[in-house]
Amino acid sequence: MKISIVFLSIIGIIVGYLYFFTGYKSAFEADQQCHYELRLKSVELEGLGCDHDIETNQWILYQTGIDDKPSEVVERYRY
């Protein structure tokens, strides 16, 4: 029982570290990366755009929907 608690604690620490320390340090950095990826991926995908989501503190690279379908998120840049 104690081993499973220790194991789950270690897993929780690793996941917490990955979540909190792997994002961008600022909205500016996330914005720059989103627009950089937009330029790179616009060759292979059409209708790409970047948008800032204030509630979740992230920039979103998305592809606009076709035929009244919703847009599709290509990548998220959390800060």
PDB file of N, CA and C in Angstrom:
ATOM      1  N   MET A   1       0.824  -1.198   0.000  1.00  0.00           N
ATOM      2  CA  MET A   1       0.000   0.000   0.000  1.00  0.00           C
ATOM      3  C   MET A   1       0.868   1.261   0.000  1.00  0.00           C
ATOM      4  N   LYS A   2       1.907   1.252   0.829  1.00  0.00           N
ATOM      5  CA  LYS A   2       2.783   2.423   0.897  1.00  0.00           C
ATOM      6  C   LYS A   2       3.550   2.612  -0.403  1.00  0.00           C
ATOM      7  N   ILE A   3       3.900   1.496  -1.031  1.00  0.00           N
ATOM      8  CA  ILE A   3       4.631   1.583  -2.300  1.00  0.00           C
ATOM      9  C   ILE A   3       3.760   2.223  -3.372  1.00  0.00           C
ATOM     10  N   SER A   4       2.478   1.887  -3.415  1.00  0.00           N
ATOM     11  CA  SER A   4       1.593   2.477  -4.423  1.00  0.00           C
ATOM     12  C   SER A   4       1.381   3.965  -4.172  1.00  0.00           C
ATOM     13  N   ILE A   5       1.336   4.377  -2.920  1.00  0.00           N
ATOM     14  CA  ILE A   5       1.191   5.808  -2.605  1.00  0.00           C
ATOM     15  C   ILE A   5       2.436   6.561  -3.047  1.00  0.00           C
ATOM     16  N   VAL A   6       3.611   6.004  -2.774  1.00  0.00           N
ATOM     17  CA  VAL A   6       4.866   6.629  -3.191  1.00  0.00           C
ATOM     18  C   VAL A   6       4.936   6.686  -4.719  1.00  0.00           C
ATOM     19  N   PHE A   7       4.565   5.604  -5.379  1.00  0.00           N
ATOM     20  CA  PHE A   7       4.580   5.560  -6.835  1.00  0.00           C
ATOM     21  C   PHE A   7       3.638   6.604  -7.427  1.00  0.00           C
ATOM     22  N   LEU A   8       2.424   6.704  -6.910  1.00  0.00           N
ATOM     23  CA  LEU A   8       1.469   7.704  -7.405  1.00  0.00           C
ATOM     24  C   LEU A   8       1.961   9.124  -7.125  1.00  0.00           C
ATOM     25  N   SER A   9       2.625   9.335  -5.997  1.00  0.00           N
ATOM     26  CA  SER A   9       3.177  10.654  -5.678  1.00  0.00           C
ATOM     27  C   SER A   9       4.264  11.040  -6.676  1.00  0.00           C
ATOM     28  N   ILE A  10       5.120  10.098  -7.006  1.00  0.00           N
ATOM     29  CA  ILE A  10       6.183  10.372  -7.967  1.00  0.00           C
ATOM     30  C   ILE A  10       5.593  10.675  -9.341  1.00  0.00           C
ATOM     31  N   ILE A  11       4.599   9.906  -9.752  1.00  0.00           N
ATOM     32  CA  ILE A  11       3.920  10.167 -11.029  1.00  0.00           C
ATOM     33  C   ILE A  11       3.293  11.559 -11.008  1.00  0.00           C
ATOM     34  N   GLY A  12       2.651  11.931  -9.910  1.00  0.00           N
ATOM     35  CA  GLY A  12       2.035  13.257  -9.789  1.00  0.00           C
ATOM     36  C   GLY A  12       3.057  14.371  -9.876  1.00  0.00           C
ATOM     37  N   ILE A  13       4.203  14.191  -9.255  1.00  0.00           N
ATOM     38  CA  ILE A  13       5.262  15.205  -9.307  1.00  0.00           C
ATOM     39  C   ILE A  13       5.785  15.354 -10.732  1.00  0.00           C
ATOM     40  N   ILE A  14       5.981  14.251 -11.427  1.00  0.00           N
ATOM     41  CA  ILE A  14       6.478  14.301 -12.806  1.00  0.00           C
ATOM     42  C   ILE A  14       5.472  14.994 -13.718  1.00  0.00           C
ATOM     43  N   VAL A  15       4.200  14.645 -13.597  1.00  0.00           N
ATOM     44  CA  VAL A  15       3.160  15.271 -14.424  1.00  0.00           C
ATOM     45  C   VAL A  15       3.064  16.761 -14.109  1.00  0.00           C
ATOM     46  N   GLY A  16       3.110  17.119 -12.827  1.00  0.00           N
ATOM     47  CA  GLY A  16       3.074  18.532 -12.435  1.00  0.00           C
ATOM     48  C   GLY A  16       4.249  19.303 -13.002  1.00  0.00           C
ATOM     49  N   TYR A  17       5.430  18.709 -12.944  1.00  0.00           N
ATOM     50  CA  TYR A  17       6.615  19.356 -13.500  1.00  0.00           C
ATOM     51  C   TYR A  17       6.449  19.586 -15.000  1.00  0.00           C
ATOM     52  N   LEU A  18       6.016  18.557 -15.711  1.00  0.00           N
ATOM     53  CA  LEU A  18       5.845  18.684 -17.158  1.00  0.00           C
ATOM     54  C   LEU A  18       4.807  19.737 -17.517  1.00  0.00           C
ATOM     55  N   TYR A  19       3.732  19.829 -16.729  1.00  0.00           N
ATOM     56  CA  TYR A  19       2.681  20.788 -17.038  1.00  0.00           C
ATOM     57  C   TYR A  19       3.114  22.218 -16.741  1.00  0.00           C
ATOM     58  N   PHE A  20       3.707  22.454 -15.585  1.00  0.00           N
ATOM     59  CA  PHE A  20       4.006  23.821 -15.164  1.00  0.00           C
ATOM     60  C   PHE A  20       5.302  24.387 -15.720  1.00  0.00           C
ATOM     61  N   PHE A  21       6.253  23.550 -16.080  1.00  0.00           N
ATOM     62  CA  PHE A  21       7.546  24.065 -16.494  1.00  0.00           C
ATOM     63  C   PHE A  21       7.861  23.859 -17.973  1.00  0.00           C
ATOM     64  N   THR A  22       6.920  23.339 -18.752  1.00  0.00           N
ATOM     65  CA  THR A  22       7.195  23.154 -20.174  1.00  0.00           C
ATOM     66  C   THR A  22       6.470  24.158 -21.055  1.00  0.00           C
ATOM     67  N   GLY A  23       5.614  24.993 -20.498  1.00  0.00           N
ATOM     68  CA  GLY A  23       4.924  26.004 -21.295  1.00  0.00           C
ATOM     69  C   GLY A  23       5.845  27.178 -21.591  1.00  0.00           C
ATOM     70  N   TYR A  24       5.366  28.108 -22.372  1.00  0.00           N
ATOM     71  CA  TYR A  24       6.141  29.312 -22.676  1.00  0.00           C
ATOM     72  C   TYR A  24       6.085  30.257 -21.486  1.00  0.00           C
ATOM     73  N   LYS A  25       7.098  31.111 -21.358  1.00  0.00           N
ATOM     74  CA  LYS A  25       7.190  32.002 -20.197  1.00  0.00           C
ATOM     75  C   LYS A  25       6.275  33.218 -20.297  1.00  0.00           C
ATOM     76  N   SER A  26       5.829  33.547 -21.513  1.00  0.00           N
ATOM     77  CA  SER A  26       4.977  34.715 -21.685  1.00  0.00           C
ATOM     78  C   SER A  26       4.048  34.531 -22.875  1.00  0.00           C
ATOM     79  N   ALA A  27       3.023  35.371 -22.916  1.00  0.00           N
ATOM     80  CA  ALA A  27       2.093  35.353 -24.041  1.00  0.00           C
ATOM     81  C   ALA A  27       2.807  35.758 -25.326  1.00  0.00           C
ATOM     82  N   PHE A  28       3.792  36.626 -25.212  1.00  0.00           N
ATOM     83  CA  PHE A  28       4.553  37.065 -26.384  1.00  0.00           C
ATOM     84  C   PHE A  28       5.282  35.892 -27.036  1.00  0.00           C
ATOM     85  N   GLU A  29       5.949  35.065 -26.217  1.00  0.00           N
ATOM     86  CA  GLU A  29       6.653  33.905 -26.755  1.00  0.00           C
ATOM     87  C   GLU A  29       5.698  32.920 -27.412  1.00  0.00           C
ATOM     88  N   ALA A  30       4.559  32.682 -26.766  1.00  0.00           N
ATOM     89  CA  ALA A  30       3.561  31.770 -27.329  1.00  0.00           C
ATOM     90  C   ALA A  30       3.007  32.324 -28.642  1.00  0.00           C
ATOM     91  N   ASP A  31       2.781  33.628 -28.692  1.00  0.00           N
ATOM     92  CA  ASP A  31       2.294  34.286 -29.908  1.00  0.00           C
ATOM     93  C   ASP A  31       3.302  34.149 -31.041  1.00  0.00           C
ATOM     94  N   GLN A  32       4.565  34.391 -30.742  1.00  0.00           N
ATOM     95  CA  GLN A  32       5.608  34.283 -31.759  1.00  0.00           C
ATOM     96  C   GLN A  32       5.692  32.863 -32.313  1.00  0.00           C
ATOM     97  N   GLN A  33       5.613  31.866 -31.428  1.00  0.00           N
ATOM     98  CA  GLN A  33       5.691  30.478 -31.873  1.00  0.00           C
ATOM     99  C   GLN A  33       4.487  30.100 -32.730  1.00  0.00           C
ATOM    100  N   CYS A  34       3.295  30.567 -32.331  1.00  0.00           N
ATOM    101  CA  CYS A  34       2.082  30.269 -33.087  1.00  0.00           C
ATOM    102  C   CYS A  34       2.180  30.835 -34.503  1.00  0.00           C
ATOM    103  N   HIS A  35       2.613  32.079 -34.622  1.00  0.00           N
ATOM    104  CA  HIS A  35       2.706  32.690 -35.942  1.00  0.00           C
ATOM    105  C   HIS A  35       3.847  32.093 -36.773  1.00  0.00           C
ATOM    106  N   TYR A  36       4.890  31.651 -36.119  1.00  0.00           N
ATOM    107  CA  TYR A  36       5.975  30.971 -36.827  1.00  0.00           C
ATOM    108  C   TYR A  36       5.471  29.653 -37.418  1.00  0.00           C
ATOM    109  N   GLU A  37       4.778  28.859 -36.591  1.00  0.00           N
ATOM    110  CA  GLU A  37       4.205  27.594 -37.068  1.00  0.00           C
ATOM    111  C   GLU A  37       3.152  27.846 -38.147  1.00  0.00           C
ATOM    112  N   LEU A  38       2.425  28.955 -38.035  1.00  0.00           N
ATOM    113  CA  LEU A  38       1.431  29.313 -39.050  1.00  0.00           C
ATOM    114  C   LEU A  38       2.100  29.478 -40.404  1.00  0.00           C
ATOM    115  N   ARG A  39       3.230  30.180 -40.424  1.00  0.00           N
ATOM    116  CA  ARG A  39       3.947  30.374 -41.688  1.00  0.00           C
ATOM    117  C   ARG A  39       4.488  29.052 -42.241  1.00  0.00           C
ATOM    118  N   LEU A  40       5.000  28.194 -41.357  1.00  0.00           N
ATOM    119  CA  LEU A  40       5.558  26.911 -41.815  1.00  0.00           C
ATOM    120  C   LEU A  40       4.475  25.978 -42.340  1.00  0.00           C
ATOM    121  N   LYS A  41       3.375  25.868 -41.618  1.00  0.00           N
ATOM    122  CA  LYS A  41       2.341  24.898 -41.971  1.00  0.00           C
ATOM    123  C   LYS A  41       1.365  25.401 -43.023  1.00  0.00           C
ATOM    124  N   SER A  42       1.424  26.693 -43.343  1.00  0.00           N
ATOM    125  CA  SER A  42       0.492  27.222 -44.342  1.00  0.00           C
ATOM    126  C   SER A  42       0.777  26.664 -45.725  1.00  0.00           C
ATOM    127  N   VAL A  43       1.956  26.101 -45.926  1.00  0.00           N
ATOM    128  CA  VAL A  43       2.294  25.482 -47.212  1.00  0.00           C
ATOM    129  C   VAL A  43       1.470  24.213 -47.412  1.00  0.00           C
ATOM    130  N   GLU A  44       1.300  23.430 -46.340  1.00  0.00           N
ATOM    131  CA  GLU A  44       0.590  22.155 -46.457  1.00  0.00           C
ATOM    132  C   GLU A  44      -0.882  22.227 -46.054  1.00  0.00           C
ATOM    133  N   LEU A  45      -1.263  23.188 -45.232  1.00  0.00           N
ATOM    134  CA  LEU A  45      -2.656  23.328 -44.798  1.00  0.00           C
ATOM    135  C   LEU A  45      -3.187  24.701 -45.182  1.00  0.00           C
ATOM    136  N   GLU A  46      -4.443  24.760 -45.594  1.00  0.00           N
ATOM    137  CA  GLU A  46      -5.059  26.042 -45.968  1.00  0.00           C
ATOM    138  C   GLU A  46      -5.961  26.535 -44.846  1.00  0.00           C
ATOM    139  N   GLY A  47      -6.174  27.820 -44.799  1.00  0.00           N
ATOM    140  CA  GLY A  47      -7.114  28.417 -43.860  1.00  0.00           C
ATOM    141  C   GLY A  47      -6.647  28.400 -42.421  1.00  0.00           C
ATOM    142  N   LEU A  48      -5.338  28.558 -42.192  1.00  0.00           N
ATOM    143  CA  LEU A  48      -4.825  28.556 -40.825  1.00  0.00           C
ATOM    144  C   LEU A  48      -4.922  29.940 -40.213  1.00  0.00           C
ATOM    145  N   GLY A  49      -5.034  29.979 -38.897  1.00  0.00           N
ATOM    146  CA  GLY A  49      -5.047  31.231 -38.171  1.00  0.00           C
ATOM    147  C   GLY A  49      -4.583  31.017 -36.747  1.00  0.00           C
ATOM    148  N   CYS A  50      -4.172  32.096 -36.089  1.00  0.00           N
ATOM    149  CA  CYS A  50      -3.776  32.067 -34.686  1.00  0.00           C
ATOM    150  C   CYS A  50      -4.752  32.924 -33.898  1.00  0.00           C
ATOM    151  N   ASP A  51      -5.121  32.455 -32.725  1.00  0.00           N
ATOM    152  CA  ASP A  51      -6.033  33.209 -31.872  1.00  0.00           C
ATOM    153  C   ASP A  51      -5.597  33.054 -30.423  1.00  0.00           C
ATOM    154  N   HIS A  52      -5.823  34.104 -29.646  1.00  0.00           N
ATOM    155  CA  HIS A  52      -5.440  34.113 -28.233  1.00  0.00           C
ATOM    156  C   HIS A  52      -6.656  33.785 -27.373  1.00  0.00           C
ATOM    157  N   ASP A  53      -6.523  32.781 -26.530  1.00  0.00           N
ATOM    158  CA  ASP A  53      -7.584  32.406 -25.595  1.00  0.00           C
ATOM    159  C   ASP A  53      -7.183  32.890 -24.215  1.00  0.00           C
ATOM    160  N   ILE A  54      -7.809  33.955 -23.754  1.00  0.00           N
ATOM    161  CA  ILE A  54      -7.460  34.575 -22.479  1.00  0.00           C
ATOM    162  C   ILE A  54      -7.824  33.684 -21.300  1.00  0.00           C
ATOM    163  N   GLU A  55      -8.932  32.974 -21.392  1.00  0.00           N
ATOM    164  CA  GLU A  55      -9.389  32.158 -20.260  1.00  0.00           C
ATOM    165  C   GLU A  55      -8.434  31.019 -19.936  1.00  0.00           C
ATOM    166  N   THR A  56      -7.830  30.415 -20.946  1.00  0.00           N
ATOM    167  CA  THR A  56      -6.938  29.278 -20.712  1.00  0.00           C
ATOM    168  C   THR A  56      -5.463  29.640 -20.854  1.00  0.00           C
ATOM    169  N   ASN A  57      -5.151  30.902 -21.060  1.00  0.00           N
ATOM    170  CA  ASN A  57      -3.776  31.379 -21.207  1.00  0.00           C
ATOM    171  C   ASN A  57      -3.004  30.591 -22.259  1.00  0.00           C
ATOM    172  N   GLN A  58      -3.516  30.624 -23.476  1.00  0.00           N
ATOM    173  CA  GLN A  58      -2.829  29.938 -24.558  1.00  0.00           C
ATOM    174  C   GLN A  58      -3.161  30.578 -25.898  1.00  0.00           C
ATOM    175  N   TRP A  59      -2.246  30.409 -26.820  1.00  0.00           N
ATOM    176  CA  TRP A  59      -2.475  30.756 -28.216  1.00  0.00           C
ATOM    177  C   TRP A  59      -2.845  29.480 -28.931  1.00  0.00           C
ATOM    178  N   ILE A  60      -3.757  29.577 -29.879  1.00  0.00           N
ATOM    179  CA  ILE A  60      -4.257  28.404 -30.575  1.00  0.00           C
ATOM    180  C   ILE A  60      -4.037  28.570 -32.072  1.00  0.00           C
ATOM    181  N   LEU A  61      -3.401  27.581 -32.675  1.00  0.00           N
ATOM    182  CA  LEU A  61      -3.265  27.508 -34.125  1.00  0.00           C
ATOM    183  C   LEU A  61      -4.420  26.648 -34.620  1.00  0.00           C
ATOM    184  N   TYR A  62      -5.244  27.207 -35.485  1.00  0.00           N
ATOM    185  CA  TYR A  62      -6.439  26.487 -35.914  1.00  0.00           C
ATOM    186  C   TYR A  62      -6.588  26.545 -37.425  1.00  0.00           C
ATOM    187  N   GLN A  63      -7.368  25.608 -37.940  1.00  0.00           N
ATOM    188  CA  GLN A  63      -7.710  25.582 -39.362  1.00  0.00           C
ATOM    189  C   GLN A  63      -9.201  25.845 -39.468  1.00  0.00           C
ATOM    190  N   THR A  64      -9.570  26.836 -40.258  1.00  0.00           N
ATOM    191  CA  THR A  64     -10.975  27.204 -40.384  1.00  0.00           C
ATOM    192  C   THR A  64     -11.772  26.062 -40.992  1.00  0.00           C
ATOM    193  N   GLY A  65     -13.008  25.948 -40.535  1.00  0.00           N
ATOM    194  CA  GLY A  65     -13.881  24.887 -41.015  1.00  0.00           C
ATOM    195  C   GLY A  65     -14.377  25.147 -42.428  1.00  0.00           C
ATOM    196  N   ILE A  66     -14.673  24.077 -43.127  1.00  0.00           N
ATOM    197  CA  ILE A  66     -15.186  24.151 -44.496  1.00  0.00           C
ATOM    198  C   ILE A  66     -16.623  23.655 -44.482  1.00  0.00           C
ATOM    199  N   ASP A  67     -17.476  24.266 -45.303  1.00  0.00           N
ATOM    200  CA  ASP A  67     -18.890  23.879 -45.412  1.00  0.00           C
ATOM    201  C   ASP A  67     -19.619  23.974 -44.073  1.00  0.00           C
ATOM    202  N   ASP A  68     -19.465  25.094 -43.397  1.00  0.00           N
ATOM    203  CA  ASP A  68     -20.119  25.379 -42.122  1.00  0.00           C
ATOM    204  C   ASP A  68     -19.742  24.411 -41.002  1.00  0.00           C
ATOM    205  N   LYS A  69     -18.618  23.737 -41.116  1.00  0.00           N
ATOM    206  CA  LYS A  69     -18.120  22.877 -40.040  1.00  0.00           C
ATOM    207  C   LYS A  69     -17.289  23.734 -39.092  1.00  0.00           C
ATOM    208  N   PRO A  70     -17.203  23.343 -37.822  1.00  0.00           N
ATOM    209  CA  PRO A  70     -16.406  24.143 -36.882  1.00  0.00           C
ATOM    210  C   PRO A  70     -14.908  24.063 -37.200  1.00  0.00           C
ATOM    211  N   SER A  71     -14.186  25.066 -36.742  1.00  0.00           N
ATOM    212  CA  SER A  71     -12.740  25.082 -36.932  1.00  0.00           C
ATOM    213  C   SER A  71     -12.104  23.941 -36.139  1.00  0.00           C
ATOM    214  N   GLU A  72     -10.929  23.525 -36.601  1.00  0.00           N
ATOM    215  CA  GLU A  72     -10.215  22.432 -35.952  1.00  0.00           C
ATOM    216  C   GLU A  72      -8.902  22.956 -35.366  1.00  0.00           C
ATOM    217  N   VAL A  73      -8.656  22.649 -34.106  1.00  0.00           N
ATOM    218  CA  VAL A  73      -7.408  23.074 -33.456  1.00  0.00           C
ATOM    219  C   VAL A  73      -6.271  22.205 -33.959  1.00  0.00           C
ATOM    220  N   VAL A  74      -5.220  22.870 -34.452  1.00  0.00           N
ATOM    221  CA  VAL A  74      -4.053  22.156 -34.941  1.00  0.00           C
ATOM    222  C   VAL A  74      -3.037  22.009 -33.811  1.00  0.00           C
ATOM    223  N   GLU A  75      -2.808  23.098 -33.042  1.00  0.00           N
ATOM    224  CA  GLU A  75      -1.834  23.052 -31.958  1.00  0.00           C
ATOM    225  C   GLU A  75      -2.146  24.138 -30.945  1.00  0.00           C
ATOM    226  N   ARG A  76      -1.757  23.892 -29.689  1.00  0.00           N
ATOM    227  CA  ARG A  76      -1.959  24.853 -28.599  1.00  0.00           C
ATOM    228  C   ARG A  76      -0.600  25.267 -28.047  1.00  0.00           C
ATOM    229  N   TYR A  77      -0.473  26.529 -27.699  1.00  0.00           N
ATOM    230  CA  TYR A  77       0.768  27.080 -27.138  1.00  0.00           C
ATOM    231  C   TYR A  77       0.434  27.694 -25.788  1.00  0.00           C
ATOM    232  N   ARG A  78       0.636  26.916 -24.735  1.00  0.00           N
ATOM    233  CA  ARG A  78       0.289  27.330 -23.376  1.00  0.00           C
ATOM    234  C   ARG A  78       1.410  28.186 -22.791  1.00  0.00           C
ATOM    235  N   TYR A  79       1.014  29.217 -22.067  1.00  0.00           N
ATOM    236  CA  TYR A  79       2.009  30.042 -21.365  1.00  0.00           C
ATOM    237  C   TYR A  79       1.616  30.231 -19.926  1.00  0.00           C
TER     238      TYR A  79
END
